[in-house]
PDB file of N, CA and C in Angstrom:
ATOM      1  N   MET A   1     -40.922 -59.753   0.791  1.00  0.00           N
ATOM      2  CA  MET A   1     -39.682 -60.661   0.871  1.00  0.00           C
ATOM      3  C   MET A   1     -38.609 -59.815   1.632  1.00  0.00           C
ATOM      4  N   ARG A   2     -38.120 -60.540   2.946  1.00  0.00           N
ATOM      5  CA  ARG A   2     -37.235 -59.665   3.534  1.00  0.00           C
ATOM      6  C   ARG A   2     -35.975 -60.277   3.498  1.00  0.00           C
ATOM      7  N   LYS A   3     -34.685 -59.597   3.390  1.00  0.00           N
ATOM      8  CA  LYS A   3     -33.361 -60.027   3.282  1.00  0.00           C
ATOM      9  C   LYS A   3     -32.773 -59.554   4.473  1.00  0.00           C
ATOM     10  N   VAL A   4     -31.586 -60.375   4.647  1.00  0.00           N
ATOM     11  CA  VAL A   4     -30.662 -60.169   6.024  1.00  0.00           C
ATOM     12  C   VAL A   4     -29.278 -60.286   5.528  1.00  0.00           C
ATOM     13  N   VAL A   5     -28.315 -59.594   5.961  1.00  0.00           N
ATOM     14  CA  VAL A   5     -26.761 -59.603   5.734  1.00  0.00           C
ATOM     15  C   VAL A   5     -26.237 -60.521   6.894  1.00  0.00           C
ATOM     16  N   ILE A   6     -25.326 -61.186   6.379  1.00  0.00           N
ATOM     17  CA  ILE A   6     -24.456 -62.156   7.120  1.00  0.00           C
ATOM     18  C   ILE A   6     -23.167 -62.211   6.709  1.00  0.00           C
ATOM     19  N   ASN A   7     -22.285 -62.613   7.618  1.00  0.00           N
ATOM     20  CA  ASN A   7     -20.922 -62.738   6.923  1.00  0.00           C
ATOM     21  C   ASN A   7     -20.704 -64.394   7.097  1.00  0.00           C
ATOM     22  N   THR A   8     -20.252 -64.725   5.810  1.00  0.00           N
ATOM     23  CA  THR A   8     -20.163 -66.197   5.338  1.00  0.00           C
ATOM     24  C   THR A   8     -18.795 -66.762   5.678  1.00  0.00           C
ATOM     25  N   CYS A   9     -17.748 -66.083   6.195  1.00  0.00           N
ATOM     26  CA  CYS A   9     -16.490 -66.804   6.492  1.00  0.00           C
ATOM     27  C   CYS A   9     -16.018 -66.438   7.811  1.00  0.00           C
ATOM     28  N   PHE A  10     -15.136 -67.168   8.193  1.00  0.00           N
ATOM     29  CA  PHE A  10     -14.532 -67.213   9.467  1.00  0.00           C
ATOM     30  C   PHE A  10     -13.795 -65.591   9.599  1.00  0.00           C
ATOM     31  N   GLY A  11     -13.941 -64.954  10.675  1.00  0.00           N
ATOM     32  CA  GLY A  11     -13.459 -63.733  10.827  1.00  0.00           C
ATOM     33  C   GLY A  11     -14.277 -62.795  11.578  1.00  0.00           C
ATOM     34  N   GLY A  12     -15.445 -62.397  11.044  1.00  0.00           N
ATOM     35  CA  GLY A  12     -16.474 -61.409  11.629  1.00  0.00           C
ATOM     36  C   GLY A  12     -17.124 -60.407  10.603  1.00  0.00           C
ATOM     37  N   PHE A  13     -18.280 -60.012  10.907  1.00  0.00           N
ATOM     38  CA  PHE A  13     -19.030 -59.187  10.247  1.00  0.00           C
ATOM     39  C   PHE A  13     -18.370 -57.671  10.382  1.00  0.00           C
ATOM     40  N   SER A  14     -17.992 -57.155   9.238  1.00  0.00           N
ATOM     41  CA  SER A  14     -17.538 -55.791   9.306  1.00  0.00           C
ATOM     42  C   SER A  14     -17.762 -55.186   7.644  1.00  0.00           C
ATOM     43  N   LEU A  15     -18.000 -53.869   7.719  1.00  0.00           N
ATOM     44  CA  LEU A  15     -18.240 -53.380   6.291  1.00  0.00           C
ATOM     45  C   LEU A  15     -16.975 -52.498   6.011  1.00  0.00           C
ATOM     46  N   SER A  16     -16.603 -52.550   4.809  1.00  0.00           N
ATOM     47  CA  SER A  16     -15.627 -51.680   4.087  1.00  0.00           C
ATOM     48  C   SER A  16     -15.851 -50.166   4.469  1.00  0.00           C
ATOM     49  N   PRO A  17     -14.756 -49.339   4.317  1.00  0.00           N
ATOM     50  CA  PRO A  17     -15.123 -47.864   4.356  1.00  0.00           C
ATOM     51  C   PRO A  17     -16.190 -47.378   3.213  1.00  0.00           C
ATOM     52  N   LEU A  18     -16.088 -47.833   2.167  1.00  0.00           N
ATOM     53  CA  LEU A  18     -16.894 -47.407   1.295  1.00  0.00           C
ATOM     54  C   LEU A  18     -18.524 -47.791   1.695  1.00  0.00           C
ATOM     55  N   ALA A  19     -18.467 -49.010   1.836  1.00  0.00           N
ATOM     56  CA  ALA A  19     -19.918 -49.408   2.301  1.00  0.00           C
ATOM     57  C   ALA A  19     -20.612 -48.719   3.415  1.00  0.00           C
ATOM     58  N   ARG A  20     -19.635 -48.542   4.456  1.00  0.00           N
ATOM     59  CA  ARG A  20     -19.882 -47.761   5.743  1.00  0.00           C
ATOM     60  C   ARG A  20     -20.398 -46.214   5.278  1.00  0.00           C
ATOM     61  N   ASP A  21     -19.542 -45.574   4.315  1.00  0.00           N
ATOM     62  CA  ASP A  21     -20.012 -44.368   4.065  1.00  0.00           C
ATOM     63  C   ASP A  21     -21.321 -44.229   3.317  1.00  0.00           C
ATOM     64  N   MET A  22     -21.607 -45.416   2.439  1.00  0.00           N
ATOM     65  CA  MET A  22     -22.676 -45.514   1.805  1.00  0.00           C
ATOM     66  C   MET A  22     -24.123 -45.586   2.774  1.00  0.00           C
ATOM     67  N   LEU A  23     -23.770 -46.351   3.825  1.00  0.00           N
ATOM     68  CA  LEU A  23     -24.802 -46.378   4.693  1.00  0.00           C
ATOM     69  C   LEU A  23     -25.218 -45.144   5.364  1.00  0.00           C
ATOM     70  N   VAL A  24     -24.182 -44.588   5.806  1.00  0.00           N
ATOM     71  CA  VAL A  24     -24.328 -43.188   6.392  1.00  0.00           C
ATOM     72  C   VAL A  24     -25.081 -42.276   5.600  1.00  0.00           C
ATOM     73  N   ASP A  25     -24.800 -42.106   4.223  1.00  0.00           N
ATOM     74  CA  ASP A  25     -25.300 -41.488   3.443  1.00  0.00           C
ATOM     75  C   ASP A  25     -26.825 -41.604   3.293  1.00  0.00           C
ATOM     76  N   ALA A  26     -27.105 -42.876   3.295  1.00  0.00           N
ATOM     77  CA  ALA A  26     -28.603 -43.602   3.041  1.00  0.00           C
ATOM     78  C   ALA A  26     -29.314 -43.293   4.291  1.00  0.00           C
ATOM     79  N   ARG A  27     -28.762 -43.137   5.520  1.00  0.00           N
ATOM     80  CA  ARG A  27     -29.364 -43.121   6.756  1.00  0.00           C
ATOM     81  C   ARG A  27     -29.544 -41.599   7.060  1.00  0.00           C
ATOM     82  N   GLY A  28     -29.161 -40.743   6.077  1.00  0.00           N
ATOM     83  CA  GLY A  28     -29.379 -39.276   6.521  1.00  0.00           C
ATOM     84  C   GLY A  28     -28.032 -38.680   6.712  1.00  0.00           C
ATOM     85  N   GLY A  29     -26.876 -39.107   6.417  1.00  0.00           N
ATOM     86  CA  GLY A  29     -25.644 -38.390   6.612  1.00  0.00           C
ATOM     87  C   GLY A  29     -25.116 -38.171   7.998  1.00  0.00           C
ATOM     88  N   ASP A  30     -25.696 -38.945   8.980  1.00  0.00           N
ATOM     89  CA  ASP A  30     -25.210 -38.795  10.378  1.00  0.00           C
ATOM     90  C   ASP A  30     -24.768 -40.249  10.927  1.00  0.00           C
ATOM     91  N   TRP A  31     -23.519 -40.560  11.069  1.00  0.00           N
ATOM     92  CA  TRP A  31     -23.362 -41.990  11.788  1.00  0.00           C
ATOM     93  C   TRP A  31     -23.606 -41.968  13.106  1.00  0.00           C
ATOM     94  N   GLY A  32     -23.662 -40.837  13.764  1.00  0.00           N
ATOM     95  CA  GLY A  32     -24.054 -40.751  15.223  1.00  0.00           C
ATOM     96  C   GLY A  32     -23.394 -41.587  16.133  1.00  0.00           C
ATOM     97  N   GLY A  33     -22.184 -41.807  15.976  1.00  0.00           N
ATOM     98  CA  GLY A  33     -21.438 -42.662  16.870  1.00  0.00           C
ATOM     99  C   GLY A  33     -21.555 -44.114  16.967  1.00  0.00           C
ATOM    100  N   TYR A  34     -22.482 -44.619  16.179  1.00  0.00           N
ATOM    101  CA  TYR A  34     -22.609 -45.835  15.958  1.00  0.00           C
ATOM    102  C   TYR A  34     -21.728 -46.662  15.173  1.00  0.00           C
ATOM    103  N   ASP A  35     -21.607 -47.788  15.159  1.00  0.00           N
ATOM    104  CA  ASP A  35     -20.946 -48.682  14.392  1.00  0.00           C
ATOM    105  C   ASP A  35     -21.843 -49.618  13.549  1.00  0.00           C
ATOM    106  N   GLU A  36     -21.130 -50.383  12.722  1.00  0.00           N
ATOM    107  CA  GLU A  36     -22.103 -51.437  11.677  1.00  0.00           C
ATOM    108  C   GLU A  36     -22.867 -52.379  12.454  1.00  0.00           C
ATOM    109  N   TRP A  37     -22.467 -52.695  13.666  1.00  0.00           N
ATOM    110  CA  TRP A  37     -23.176 -53.604  14.346  1.00  0.00           C
ATOM    111  C   TRP A  37     -24.603 -53.152  15.161  1.00  0.00           C
ATOM    112  N   ASP A  38     -24.587 -51.902  15.193  1.00  0.00           N
ATOM    113  CA  ASP A  38     -25.686 -51.136  15.720  1.00  0.00           C
ATOM    114  C   ASP A  38     -26.921 -51.041  14.690  1.00  0.00           C
ATOM    115  N   TYR A  39     -26.686 -51.500  13.510  1.00  0.00           N
ATOM    116  CA  TYR A  39     -28.085 -51.472  12.508  1.00  0.00           C
ATOM    117  C   TYR A  39     -28.339 -52.809  12.557  1.00  0.00           C
ATOM    118  N   PRO A  40     -29.751 -52.973  12.352  1.00  0.00           N
ATOM    119  CA  PRO A  40     -30.283 -54.434  12.145  1.00  0.00           C
ATOM    120  C   PRO A  40     -29.690 -54.975  10.869  1.00  0.00           C
ATOM    121  N   ARG A  41     -29.459 -56.237  10.901  1.00  0.00           N
ATOM    122  CA  ARG A  41     -29.174 -56.826   9.549  1.00  0.00           C
ATOM    123  C   ARG A  41     -30.210 -56.895   8.466  1.00  0.00           C
ATOM    124  N   HIS A  42     -31.481 -56.624   8.700  1.00  0.00           N
ATOM    125  CA  HIS A  42     -32.384 -56.517   7.780  1.00  0.00           C
ATOM    126  C   HIS A  42     -32.715 -55.181   7.380  1.00  0.00           C
ATOM    127  N   CYS A  43     -31.772 -54.137   7.779  1.00  0.00           N
ATOM    128  CA  CYS A  43     -32.004 -52.615   7.521  1.00  0.00           C
ATOM    129  C   CYS A  43     -31.853 -52.625   5.824  1.00  0.00           C
ATOM    130  N   PRO A  44     -32.968 -52.229   5.166  1.00  0.00           N
ATOM    131  CA  PRO A  44     -33.067 -52.135   3.713  1.00  0.00           C
ATOM    132  C   PRO A  44     -31.790 -51.339   3.049  1.00  0.00           C
ATOM    133  N   HIS A  45     -31.313 -50.287   3.678  1.00  0.00           N
ATOM    134  CA  HIS A  45     -30.101 -49.798   3.349  1.00  0.00           C
ATOM    135  C   HIS A  45     -28.986 -50.756   3.220  1.00  0.00           C
ATOM    136  N   LEU A  46     -28.667 -51.364   4.289  1.00  0.00           N
ATOM    137  CA  LEU A  46     -27.475 -52.289   4.429  1.00  0.00           C
ATOM    138  C   LEU A  46     -27.713 -53.429   3.445  1.00  0.00           C
ATOM    139  N   VAL A  47     -28.706 -53.924   3.339  1.00  0.00           N
ATOM    140  CA  VAL A  47     -29.089 -55.023   2.387  1.00  0.00           C
ATOM    141  C   VAL A  47     -28.844 -54.641   0.929  1.00  0.00           C
ATOM    142  N   ARG A  48     -29.364 -53.464   0.659  1.00  0.00           N
ATOM    143  CA  ARG A  48     -29.110 -52.844  -0.604  1.00  0.00           C
ATOM    144  C   ARG A  48     -27.534 -52.557  -1.068  1.00  0.00           C
ATOM    145  N   ILE A  49     -26.899 -51.950  -0.184  1.00  0.00           N
ATOM    146  CA  ILE A  49     -25.567 -51.674  -0.422  1.00  0.00           C
ATOM    147  C   ILE A  49     -24.686 -52.962  -0.503  1.00  0.00           C
ATOM    148  N   VAL A  50     -24.752 -54.044   0.265  1.00  0.00           N
ATOM    149  CA  VAL A  50     -23.999 -55.241   0.324  1.00  0.00           C
ATOM    150  C   VAL A  50     -24.481 -55.771  -0.946  1.00  0.00           C
ATOM    151  N   GLU A  51     -25.587 -55.711  -1.691  1.00  0.00           N
ATOM    152  CA  GLU A  51     -26.093 -56.524  -2.877  1.00  0.00           C
ATOM    153  C   GLU A  51     -25.386 -55.714  -4.108  1.00  0.00           C
ATOM    154  N   GLU A  52     -25.418 -54.194  -3.796  1.00  0.00           N
ATOM    155  CA  GLU A  52     -25.000 -53.274  -5.050  1.00  0.00           C
ATOM    156  C   GLU A  52     -23.309 -53.640  -5.148  1.00  0.00           C
ATOM    157  N   LEU A  53     -22.709 -53.569  -3.908  1.00  0.00           N
ATOM    158  CA  LEU A  53     -21.298 -53.381  -3.883  1.00  0.00           C
ATOM    159  C   LEU A  53     -20.574 -54.856  -3.942  1.00  0.00           C
ATOM    160  N   GLY A  54     -21.304 -55.845  -3.687  1.00  0.00           N
ATOM    161  CA  GLY A  54     -20.700 -57.365  -3.821  1.00  0.00           C
ATOM    162  C   GLY A  54     -19.420 -57.288  -2.958  1.00  0.00           C
ATOM    163  N   PRO A  55     -18.213 -57.738  -3.540  1.00  0.00           N
ATOM    164  CA  PRO A  55     -17.044 -57.926  -2.595  1.00  0.00           C
ATOM    165  C   PRO A  55     -16.488 -56.590  -1.963  1.00  0.00           C
ATOM    166  N   ARG A  56     -16.761 -55.620  -2.728  1.00  0.00           N
ATOM    167  CA  ARG A  56     -16.388 -54.356  -2.179  1.00  0.00           C
ATOM    168  C   ARG A  56     -16.928 -53.735  -0.977  1.00  0.00           C
ATOM    169  N   ALA A  57     -18.201 -54.512  -0.610  1.00  0.00           N
ATOM    170  CA  ALA A  57     -18.840 -54.207   0.836  1.00  0.00           C
ATOM    171  C   ALA A  57     -18.040 -54.818   1.920  1.00  0.00           C
ATOM    172  N   ASN A  58     -17.311 -55.957   1.684  1.00  0.00           N
ATOM    173  CA  ASN A  58     -16.506 -56.587   2.618  1.00  0.00           C
ATOM    174  C   ASN A  58     -15.538 -55.681   3.532  1.00  0.00           C
ATOM    175  N   GLY A  59     -15.631 -55.741   5.011  1.00  0.00           N
ATOM    176  CA  GLY A  59     -14.621 -55.210   5.703  1.00  0.00           C
ATOM    177  C   GLY A  59     -13.545 -56.294   5.980  1.00  0.00           C
ATOM    178  N   ARG A  60     -12.834 -55.869   6.916  1.00  0.00           N
ATOM    179  CA  ARG A  60     -11.537 -56.784   6.961  1.00  0.00           C
ATOM    180  C   ARG A  60     -12.105 -58.144   7.668  1.00  0.00           C
ATOM    181  N   CYS A  61     -11.558 -59.315   6.883  1.00  0.00           N
ATOM    182  CA  CYS A  61     -11.987 -60.789   7.486  1.00  0.00           C
ATOM    183  C   CYS A  61     -13.546 -61.035   7.305  1.00  0.00           C
ATOM    184  N   ALA A  62     -13.913 -60.446   6.041  1.00  0.00           N
ATOM    185  CA  ALA A  62     -15.520 -60.488   6.208  1.00  0.00           C
ATOM    186  C   ALA A  62     -15.978 -61.007   4.562  1.00  0.00           C
ATOM    187  N   ASP A  63     -16.934 -61.852   4.507  1.00  0.00           N
ATOM    188  CA  ASP A  63     -17.489 -61.903   3.158  1.00  0.00           C
ATOM    189  C   ASP A  63     -18.887 -62.130   3.330  1.00  0.00           C
ATOM    190  N   LEU A  64     -19.274 -60.949   3.180  1.00  0.00           N
ATOM    191  CA  LEU A  64     -20.713 -60.592   3.329  1.00  0.00           C
ATOM    192  C   LEU A  64     -21.688 -60.912   2.306  1.00  0.00           C
ATOM    193  N   ASP A  65     -22.904 -61.519   2.462  1.00  0.00           N
ATOM    194  CA  ASP A  65     -23.952 -61.845   1.547  1.00  0.00           C
ATOM    195  C   ASP A  65     -25.278 -61.672   2.309  1.00  0.00           C
ATOM    196  N   THR A  66     -26.325 -61.819   1.155  1.00  0.00           N
ATOM    197  CA  THR A  66     -27.536 -61.650   1.841  1.00  0.00           C
ATOM    198  C   THR A  66     -28.431 -63.036   1.678  1.00  0.00           C
ATOM    199  N   ARG A  67     -29.369 -63.315   2.765  1.00  0.00           N
ATOM    200  CA  ARG A  67     -30.127 -64.519   2.740  1.00  0.00           C
ATOM    201  C   ARG A  67     -31.710 -63.934   2.760  1.00  0.00           C
ATOM    202  N   THR A  68     -32.391 -64.559   1.882  1.00  0.00           N
ATOM    203  CA  THR A  68     -33.926 -64.371   2.046  1.00  0.00           C
ATOM    204  C   THR A  68     -34.507 -65.054   3.224  1.00  0.00           C
ATOM    205  N   LEU A  69     -35.425 -64.279   3.935  1.00  0.00           N
ATOM    206  CA  LEU A  69     -36.312 -64.937   4.881  1.00  0.00           C
ATOM    207  C   LEU A  69     -37.453 -65.579   4.440  1.00  0.00           C
ATOM    208  N   ARG A  70     -37.735 -66.794   5.135  1.00  0.00           N
ATOM    209  CA  ARG A  70     -39.206 -67.380   4.828  1.00  0.00           C
ATOM    210  C   ARG A  70     -40.322 -66.753   5.614  1.00  0.00           C
ATOM    211  N   GLY A  71     -39.956 -66.115   6.566  1.00  0.00           N
ATOM    212  CA  GLY A  71     -41.055 -65.312   7.179  1.00  0.00           C
ATOM    213  C   GLY A  71     -40.411 -63.937   7.697  1.00  0.00           C
ATOM    214  N   ASN A  72     -40.908 -63.586   9.106  1.00  0.00           N
ATOM    215  CA  ASN A  72     -40.528 -62.120   9.499  1.00  0.00           C
ATOM    216  C   ASN A  72     -39.656 -62.238  10.910  1.00  0.00           C
ATOM    217  N   LYS A  73     -39.208 -63.448  11.237  1.00  0.00           N
ATOM    218  CA  LYS A  73     -38.360 -63.827  12.516  1.00  0.00           C
ATOM    219  C   LYS A  73     -37.048 -64.647  12.260  1.00  0.00           C
ATOM    220  N   TYR A  74     -36.294 -64.248  12.597  1.00  0.00           N
ATOM    221  CA  TYR A  74     -34.893 -64.692  12.621  1.00  0.00           C
ATOM    222  C   TYR A  74     -33.752 -64.384  13.656  1.00  0.00           C
ATOM    223  N   ARG A  75     -32.873 -65.274  13.758  1.00  0.00           N
ATOM    224  CA  ARG A  75     -31.605 -64.882  14.637  1.00  0.00           C
ATOM    225  C   ARG A  75     -30.317 -65.244  13.883  1.00  0.00           C
ATOM    226  N   ILE A  76     -29.416 -64.640  14.207  1.00  0.00           N
ATOM    227  CA  ILE A  76     -28.088 -64.949  13.537  1.00  0.00           C
ATOM    228  C   ILE A  76     -27.219 -65.712  14.508  1.00  0.00           C
ATOM    229  N   GLU A  77     -26.728 -66.901  14.084  1.00  0.00           N
ATOM    230  CA  GLU A  77     -25.860 -67.715  14.938  1.00  0.00           C
ATOM    231  C   GLU A  77     -24.512 -67.630  14.287  1.00  0.00           C
ATOM    232  N   GLU A  78     -23.378 -67.638  15.088  1.00  0.00           N
ATOM    233  CA  GLU A  78     -22.400 -67.584  14.531  1.00  0.00           C
ATOM    234  C   GLU A  78     -21.171 -68.671  15.170  1.00  0.00           C
ATOM    235  N   TYR A  79     -20.030 -69.038  14.595  1.00  0.00           N
ATOM    236  CA  TYR A  79     -18.947 -69.788  15.185  1.00  0.00           C
ATOM    237  C   TYR A  79     -17.759 -69.133  14.630  1.00  0.00           C
ATOM    238  N   ASP A  80     -16.941 -68.517  15.380  1.00  0.00           N
ATOM    239  CA  ASP A  80     -15.498 -67.833  15.035  1.00  0.00           C
ATOM    240  C   ASP A  80     -15.632 -66.893  13.990  1.00  0.00           C
ATOM    241  N   GLY A  81     -17.092 -66.050  14.018  1.00  0.00           N
ATOM    242  CA  GLY A  81     -17.258 -65.006  13.113  1.00  0.00           C
ATOM    243  C   GLY A  81     -18.086 -65.445  11.853  1.00  0.00           C
ATOM    244  N   ARG A  82     -18.215 -66.736  11.369  1.00  0.00           N
ATOM    245  CA  ARG A  82     -18.969 -67.162  10.380  1.00  0.00           C
ATOM    246  C   ARG A  82     -20.345 -67.371  10.707  1.00  0.00           C
ATOM    247  N   GLU A  83     -21.409 -66.852   9.948  1.00  0.00           N
ATOM    248  CA  GLU A  83     -22.686 -66.617  10.432  1.00  0.00           C
ATOM    249  C   GLU A  83     -23.619 -67.405   9.818  1.00  0.00           C
ATOM    250  N   TRP A  84     -24.761 -67.730  10.226  1.00  0.00           N
ATOM    251  CA  TRP A  84     -25.771 -68.310   9.534  1.00  0.00           C
ATOM    252  C   TRP A  84     -27.190 -68.029  10.007  1.00  0.00           C
ATOM    253  N   ILE A  85     -28.259 -68.128   9.359  1.00  0.00           N
ATOM    254  CA  ILE A  85     -29.637 -67.557  10.058  1.00  0.00           C
ATOM    255  C   ILE A  85     -30.323 -69.048  10.461  1.00  0.00           C
ATOM    256  N   GLU A  86     -30.949 -68.427  11.634  1.00  0.00           N
ATOM    257  CA  GLU A  86     -31.994 -69.561  11.995  1.00  0.00           C
ATOM    258  C   GLU A  86     -33.158 -69.094  12.082  1.00  0.00           C
ATOM    259  N   GLN A  87     -34.573 -69.792  11.768  1.00  0.00           N
ATOM    260  CA  GLN A  87     -35.917 -69.192  11.598  1.00  0.00           C
ATOM    261  C   GLN A  87     -36.746 -70.259  12.434  1.00  0.00           C
ATOM    262  N   PRO A  88     -37.657 -69.776  12.997  1.00  0.00           N
ATOM    263  CA  PRO A  88     -38.601 -70.528  13.811  1.00  0.00           C
ATOM    264  C   PRO A  88     -39.143 -71.985  13.284  1.00  0.00           C
ATOM    265  N   ASP A  89     -39.125 -71.995  11.793  1.00  0.00           N
ATOM    266  CA  ASP A  89     -39.578 -73.112  11.077  1.00  0.00           C
ATOM    267  C   ASP A  89     -38.564 -74.099  10.760  1.00  0.00           C
ATOM    268  N   ASP A  90     -37.226 -73.702  11.140  1.00  0.00           N
ATOM    269  CA  ASP A  90     -36.122 -74.538  10.936  1.00  0.00           C
ATOM    270  C   ASP A  90     -36.158 -75.922  11.744  1.00  0.00           C
ATOM    271  N   PRO A  91     -35.964 -77.276  11.121  1.00  0.00           N
ATOM    272  CA  PRO A  91     -36.108 -78.495  11.857  1.00  0.00           C
ATOM    273  C   PRO A  91     -34.889 -78.384  12.896  1.00  0.00           C
ATOM    274  N   VAL A  92     -35.190 -78.902  14.059  1.00  0.00           N
ATOM    275  CA  VAL A  92     -34.253 -79.065  15.089  1.00  0.00           C
ATOM    276  C   VAL A  92     -34.130 -80.659  15.507  1.00  0.00           C
ATOM    277  N   SER A  93     -33.025 -81.067  15.270  1.00  0.00           N
ATOM    278  CA  SER A  93     -32.708 -82.369  15.577  1.00  0.00           C
ATOM    279  C   SER A  93     -32.130 -82.498  17.042  1.00  0.00           C
ATOM    280  N   TRP A  94     -32.976 -83.000  17.708  1.00  0.00           N
ATOM    281  CA  TRP A  94     -32.596 -83.423  19.153  1.00  0.00           C
ATOM    282  C   TRP A  94     -32.021 -84.772  19.275  1.00  0.00           C
ATOM    283  N   ILE A  95     -30.872 -84.534  20.179  1.00  0.00           N
ATOM    284  CA  ILE A  95     -30.424 -85.989  20.638  1.00  0.00           C
ATOM    285  C   ILE A  95     -30.957 -86.414  22.049  1.00  0.00           C
ATOM    286  N   GLU A  96     -31.756 -87.648  21.934  1.00  0.00           N
ATOM    287  CA  GLU A  96     -32.132 -88.235  23.248  1.00  0.00           C
ATOM    288  C   GLU A  96     -31.390 -89.146  23.862  1.00  0.00           C
ATOM    289  N   ILE A  97     -31.105 -88.781  25.172  1.00  0.00           N
ATOM    290  CA  ILE A  97     -30.508 -89.708  25.971  1.00  0.00           C
ATOM    291  C   ILE A  97     -31.123 -90.638  26.611  1.00  0.00           C
ATOM    292  N   GLU A  98     -30.856 -92.041  26.361  1.00  0.00           N
ATOM    293  CA  GLU A  98     -31.746 -93.029  26.970  1.00  0.00           C
ATOM    294  C   GLU A  98     -31.485 -93.125  28.445  1.00  0.00           C
ATOM    295  N   THR A  99     -32.738 -93.397  29.117  1.00  0.00           N
ATOM    296  CA  THR A  99     -32.406 -93.317  30.571  1.00  0.00           C
ATOM    297  C   THR A  99     -32.731 -94.954  31.078  1.00  0.00           C
ATOM    298  N   GLY A 100     -32.061 -95.158  32.035  1.00  0.00           N
ATOM    299  CA  GLY A 100     -32.199 -96.322  32.839  1.00  0.00           C
ATOM    300  C   GLY A 100     -30.910 -97.304  32.714  1.00  0.00           C
ATOM    301  N   GLY A 101     -31.045 -98.561  33.111  1.00  0.00           N
ATOM    302  CA  GLY A 101     -29.637 -99.273  33.382  1.00  0.00           C
ATOM    303  C   GLY A 101     -29.295 -99.619  32.189  1.00  0.00           C
TER     304      GLY A 101
END
């Protein structure tokens, strides 16, 4: 069972300083010049930290939560910073334009 971290409110994905420090420690103590967007959202350390800290993991204008995947493929879509997960087996509703006179 794989989980993914997303931001569930308008604003954008970001980690609190506490969550960021915990991620650095979990990854071996070296941030390496990266920021939180450089880590995959399915990173087990990131998922664990967000679930452990709850609202204390939220950075500025963020409301982080985890979602469980049904498979092993996903993409994160967003609108004004609010994110959701799309997976290959999600139903797609196509709008068909009728042709002709």
